[in-house]
Amino acid sequence: MTKADIVNDIAKKTGIDKQTVLTTVEAFMDSVKESLSNEQNVYLRGFGSFVVKKRAQKTARNISKNTTIIIPEHNIPAFKPAKTFTLDVKNS
């Protein structure tokens, strides 16, 4: 399902015009991205959590050049579904 599919589905279910729904969906995504960039987790009860995970510094190898590189510590976004969300998907 794409963003356009989500917008169409919400517009059909609510009766709100597609442009308003698109603006709302994009504002939601921007808000989540901004929160995660500021290392703030986003919790949506019954849906799941968007969290920031820290990856530790590690040593890696570039096998084509036969060199060792160090990958610095960094943050990555992750999604953890709520228990009810997981059960709904599992039982459908």
C-alpha atoms as a PDB file:
ATOM      1  CA  MET A   1       0.000   0.000   0.000  1.00  0.00           C
ATOM      2  CA  THR A   2       1.373   3.391  -0.996  1.00  0.00           C
ATOM      3  CA  LYS A   3       0.786   6.835   0.495  1.00  0.00           C
ATOM      4  CA  ALA A   4      -1.676   7.555  -2.329  1.00  0.00           C
ATOM      5  CA  ASP A   5      -3.601   4.366  -1.464  1.00  0.00           C
ATOM      6  CA  ILE A   6      -3.747   5.399   2.194  1.00  0.00           C
ATOM      7  CA  VAL A   7      -4.994   8.881   1.268  1.00  0.00           C
ATOM      8  CA  ASN A   8      -7.667   7.428  -1.039  1.00  0.00           C
ATOM      9  CA  ASP A   9      -8.799   4.941   1.615  1.00  0.00           C
ATOM     10  CA  ILE A  10      -9.069   7.577   4.354  1.00  0.00           C
ATOM     11  CA  ALA A  11     -10.866   9.995   2.019  1.00  0.00           C
ATOM     12  CA  LYS A  12     -13.377   7.321   1.053  1.00  0.00           C
ATOM     13  CA  LYS A  13     -14.000   6.236   4.672  1.00  0.00           C
ATOM     14  CA  THR A  14     -14.329   9.745   6.128  1.00  0.00           C
ATOM     15  CA  GLY A  15     -15.755  11.778   3.241  1.00  0.00           C
ATOM     16  CA  ILE A  16     -12.987  14.371   3.581  1.00  0.00           C
ATOM     17  CA  ASP A  17     -11.466  15.606   0.302  1.00  0.00           C
ATOM     18  CA  LYS A  18      -8.198  13.969  -0.783  1.00  0.00           C
ATOM     19  CA  GLN A  19      -6.105  17.150  -0.622  1.00  0.00           C
ATOM     20  CA  THR A  20      -6.969  17.725   3.035  1.00  0.00           C
ATOM     21  CA  VAL A  21      -6.225  14.085   3.862  1.00  0.00           C
ATOM     22  CA  LEU A  22      -2.906  14.252   1.972  1.00  0.00           C
ATOM     23  CA  THR A  23      -1.897  17.398   3.870  1.00  0.00           C
ATOM     24  CA  THR A  24      -2.795  15.725   7.178  1.00  0.00           C
ATOM     25  CA  VAL A  25      -0.907  12.502   6.399  1.00  0.00           C
ATOM     26  CA  GLU A  26       2.192  14.431   5.307  1.00  0.00           C
ATOM     27  CA  ALA A  27       2.013  16.622   8.438  1.00  0.00           C
ATOM     28  CA  PHE A  28       1.834  13.460  10.579  1.00  0.00           C
ATOM     29  CA  MET A  29       4.870  11.955   8.844  1.00  0.00           C
ATOM     30  CA  ASP A  30       6.822  15.229   9.198  1.00  0.00           C
ATOM     31  CA  SER A  31       5.957  15.377  12.889  1.00  0.00           C
ATOM     32  CA  VAL A  32       7.174  11.805  13.461  1.00  0.00           C
ATOM     33  CA  LYS A  33      10.401  12.457  11.513  1.00  0.00           C
ATOM     34  CA  GLU A  34      11.066  15.673  13.425  1.00  0.00           C
ATOM     35  CA  SER A  35      10.492  13.974  16.785  1.00  0.00           C
ATOM     36  CA  LEU A  36      12.813  11.100  15.922  1.00  0.00           C
ATOM     37  CA  SER A  37      15.497  13.513  14.677  1.00  0.00           C
ATOM     38  CA  ASN A  38      15.344  15.160  18.107  1.00  0.00           C
ATOM     39  CA  GLU A  39      15.730  11.706  19.699  1.00  0.00           C
ATOM     40  CA  GLN A  40      12.145  11.741  21.020  1.00  0.00           C
ATOM     41  CA  ASN A  41      10.155   8.522  20.682  1.00  0.00           C
ATOM     42  CA  VAL A  42       6.567   8.579  19.381  1.00  0.00           C
ATOM     43  CA  TYR A  43       4.018   6.323  21.118  1.00  0.00           C
ATOM     44  CA  LEU A  44       0.649   5.582  19.487  1.00  0.00           C
ATOM     45  CA  ARG A  45      -1.461   3.496  21.871  1.00  0.00           C
ATOM     46  CA  GLY A  46      -2.951   0.448  20.150  1.00  0.00           C
ATOM     47  CA  PHE A  47      -0.785   0.936  17.042  1.00  0.00           C
ATOM     48  CA  GLY A  48       2.879   0.960  18.025  1.00  0.00           C
ATOM     49  CA  SER A  49       5.938   3.033  18.793  1.00  0.00           C
ATOM     50  CA  PHE A  50       8.414   4.817  16.580  1.00  0.00           C
ATOM     51  CA  VAL A  51      11.667   4.707  18.543  1.00  0.00           C
ATOM     52  CA  VAL A  52      15.256   5.820  18.090  1.00  0.00           C
ATOM     53  CA  LYS A  53      17.797   3.028  18.489  1.00  0.00           C
ATOM     54  CA  LYS A  54      21.497   3.664  19.053  1.00  0.00           C
ATOM     55  CA  ARG A  55      23.948   1.560  17.082  1.00  0.00           C
ATOM     56  CA  ALA A  56      27.313   1.177  18.787  1.00  0.00           C
ATOM     57  CA  GLN A  57      30.592   1.951  17.050  1.00  0.00           C
ATOM     58  CA  LYS A  58      31.943  -1.067  15.210  1.00  0.00           C
ATOM     59  CA  THR A  59      34.810  -2.173  13.039  1.00  0.00           C
ATOM     60  CA  ALA A  60      34.018  -3.347   9.520  1.00  0.00           C
ATOM     61  CA  ARG A  61      36.017  -4.542   6.552  1.00  0.00           C
ATOM     62  CA  ASN A  62      36.041  -3.365   2.967  1.00  0.00           C
ATOM     63  CA  ILE A  63      36.878  -6.682   1.308  1.00  0.00           C
ATOM     64  CA  SER A  64      37.440  -5.227  -2.163  1.00  0.00           C
ATOM     65  CA  LYS A  65      40.230  -2.919  -0.891  1.00  0.00           C
ATOM     66  CA  ASN A  66      41.220  -5.199   1.997  1.00  0.00           C
ATOM     67  CA  THR A  67      41.004  -2.369   4.509  1.00  0.00           C
ATOM     68  CA  THR A  68      39.427  -1.938   7.922  1.00  0.00           C
ATOM     69  CA  ILE A  69      37.043   0.933   8.561  1.00  0.00           C
ATOM     70  CA  ILE A  70      35.384   2.156  11.723  1.00  0.00           C
ATOM     71  CA  ILE A  71      31.663   2.844  11.588  1.00  0.00           C
ATOM     72  CA  PRO A  72      30.862   5.481  14.216  1.00  0.00           C
ATOM     73  CA  GLU A  73      28.007   5.271  16.714  1.00  0.00           C
ATOM     74  CA  HIS A  74      24.755   6.411  15.108  1.00  0.00           C
ATOM     75  CA  ASN A  75      20.987   6.471  15.596  1.00  0.00           C
ATOM     76  CA  ILE A  76      18.434   4.654  13.457  1.00  0.00           C
ATOM     77  CA  PRO A  77      14.625   4.853  13.454  1.00  0.00           C
ATOM     78  CA  ALA A  78      12.668   1.710  14.288  1.00  0.00           C
ATOM     79  CA  PHE A  79       9.016   0.710  14.654  1.00  0.00           C
ATOM     80  CA  LYS A  80       7.736  -1.612  17.361  1.00  0.00           C
ATOM     81  CA  PRO A  81       4.108  -2.671  16.839  1.00  0.00           C
ATOM     82  CA  ALA A  82       1.696  -2.767  19.784  1.00  0.00           C
ATOM     83  CA  LYS A  83       0.641  -6.160  21.087  1.00  0.00           C
ATOM     84  CA  THR A  84      -2.954  -5.690  19.852  1.00  0.00           C
ATOM     85  CA  PHE A  85      -1.636  -4.675  16.412  1.00  0.00           C
ATOM     86  CA  THR A  86       0.497  -7.829  16.241  1.00  0.00           C
ATOM     87  CA  LEU A  87      -2.406 -10.051  17.308  1.00  0.00           C
ATOM     88  CA  ASP A  88      -4.749  -8.463  14.740  1.00  0.00           C
ATOM     89  CA  VAL A  89      -2.267  -9.119  11.913  1.00  0.00           C
ATOM     90  CA  LYS A  90      -1.552 -12.633  13.151  1.00  0.00           C
ATOM     91  CA  ASN A  91      -5.248 -13.572  13.365  1.00  0.00           C
ATOM     92  CA  SER A  92      -6.318 -12.156   9.993  1.00  0.00           C
END
